[in-house]
Protein backbone atom coordinates (compact mmCIF):
# COMPACT_ATOMS: atom_id res chain seq x y z
CA MET A 1 -0.02 0.06 0.01
CA ILE A 2 1.35 3.37 -0.93
CA LEU A 3 0.29 6.39 1.08
CA PHE A 4 1.61 9.78 0.33
CA TYR A 5 0.96 13.21 1.82
CA PHE A 6 1.83 16.07 -0.48
CA LEU A 7 2.17 19.83 0.04
CA LEU A 8 0.44 21.36 -2.89
CA ASP A 9 3.61 22.93 -4.44
CA TRP A 10 3.13 22.75 -8.24
CA ASN A 11 6.71 21.74 -8.77
CA LEU A 12 6.04 18.74 -6.53
CA LEU A 13 2.66 17.98 -8.26
CA PHE A 14 4.53 17.96 -11.62
CA PHE A 15 7.24 15.57 -10.10
CA ASN A 16 4.40 13.33 -8.78
CA GLN A 17 2.69 13.30 -12.10
CA ALA A 18 5.75 11.56 -13.59
CA VAL A 19 5.72 9.00 -10.76
CA ILE A 20 1.97 8.46 -11.12
CA TRP A 21 2.43 8.06 -14.89
CA HIS A 22 5.04 5.42 -14.23
CA LEU A 23 2.79 3.49 -11.91
CA PHE A 24 -0.13 3.78 -14.40
CA LYS A 25 2.02 2.45 -17.32
CA GLN A 26 3.03 -0.51 -15.01
CA GLY A 27 -0.62 -1.24 -14.54
CA LYS A 28 -0.58 -0.21 -10.90
CA LEU A 29 -3.93 1.77 -11.27
CA LYS A 30 -4.83 1.32 -7.50
CA ASP A 31 -1.44 2.88 -6.50
CA SER A 32 -2.00 5.76 -8.92
CA LEU A 33 -5.51 6.26 -7.68
CA GLN A 34 -4.50 6.25 -4.05
CA ILE A 35 -2.02 9.06 -4.80
CA PHE A 36 -4.50 11.15 -6.78
CA GLU A 37 -7.19 10.66 -4.11
CA GLY A 38 -4.78 11.96 -1.49
CA LEU A 39 -4.15 14.95 -3.66
CA GLY A 40 -7.91 15.39 -4.08
CA VAL A 41 -8.38 15.53 -0.30
CA LEU A 42 -5.94 18.26 -0.03
CA ASN A 43 -7.42 20.20 -3.05
CA PRO A 44 -10.90 19.11 -3.80
CA GLN A 45 -11.39 22.19 -6.09
CA ASP A 46 -8.81 21.09 -8.61
CA ALA A 47 -10.44 20.05 -11.86
CA TYR A 48 -7.33 18.15 -13.03
CA ILE A 49 -7.10 16.24 -10.06
CA GLN A 50 -10.82 15.39 -10.05
CA SER A 51 -10.68 14.34 -13.80
CA MET A 52 -7.60 12.02 -13.21
CA ILE A 53 -9.49 10.35 -10.37
CA GLY A 54 -12.32 9.84 -12.61
CA VAL A 55 -10.11 8.45 -15.47
CA LEU A 56 -8.48 6.05 -12.99
CA TRP A 57 -11.86 4.84 -11.70
CA GLU A 58 -12.96 4.31 -15.26
CA ASN A 59 -9.99 2.15 -16.00
CA LEU A 60 -10.71 0.13 -12.83
CA ASN A 61 -14.34 -0.31 -14.28
CA ASN A 62 -15.94 1.48 -11.45
CA PHE A 63 -18.12 3.64 -13.65
CA PRO A 64 -20.28 5.19 -10.83
CA GLN A 65 -17.14 6.58 -9.04
CA ALA A 66 -15.80 7.67 -12.49
CA LEU A 67 -18.93 9.66 -13.28
CA ILE A 68 -18.92 11.35 -9.94
CA HIS A 69 -15.26 12.68 -10.38
CA ILE A 70 -15.51 13.56 -13.95
CA SER A 71 -18.74 15.40 -13.17
CA ASN A 72 -17.03 17.19 -10.39
CA ALA A 73 -14.21 18.20 -12.86
CA ILE A 74 -16.71 19.53 -15.33
CA GLU A 75 -18.57 21.53 -12.65
CA LEU A 76 -15.20 23.11 -11.46
CA LYS A 77 -13.92 23.83 -15.03
CA PRO A 78 -16.61 23.51 -17.56
CA THR A 79 -14.58 25.00 -20.39
CA GLU A 80 -11.80 22.28 -20.13
CA ILE A 81 -11.79 20.12 -23.31
CA ASN A 82 -9.88 17.16 -21.97
CA TYR A 83 -12.64 15.44 -20.16
């Protein structure tokens, strides 16, 4: 089990994106999700984080959770085209 607590320093977030991407590419979706959910707790108003949580839930075939987070992301930043 991986549990990380992050300060929301954007440099740190970009570094962690590389770590998360590496985990994702290795098929460690639950580990990636755990990291993003931790970031989501720290910054629930971040549309990018909410969308990534949704994408990860979708890849884990949990569509109800995916819909919740993608909907949150759209609500937070409706003009984003990457959803």
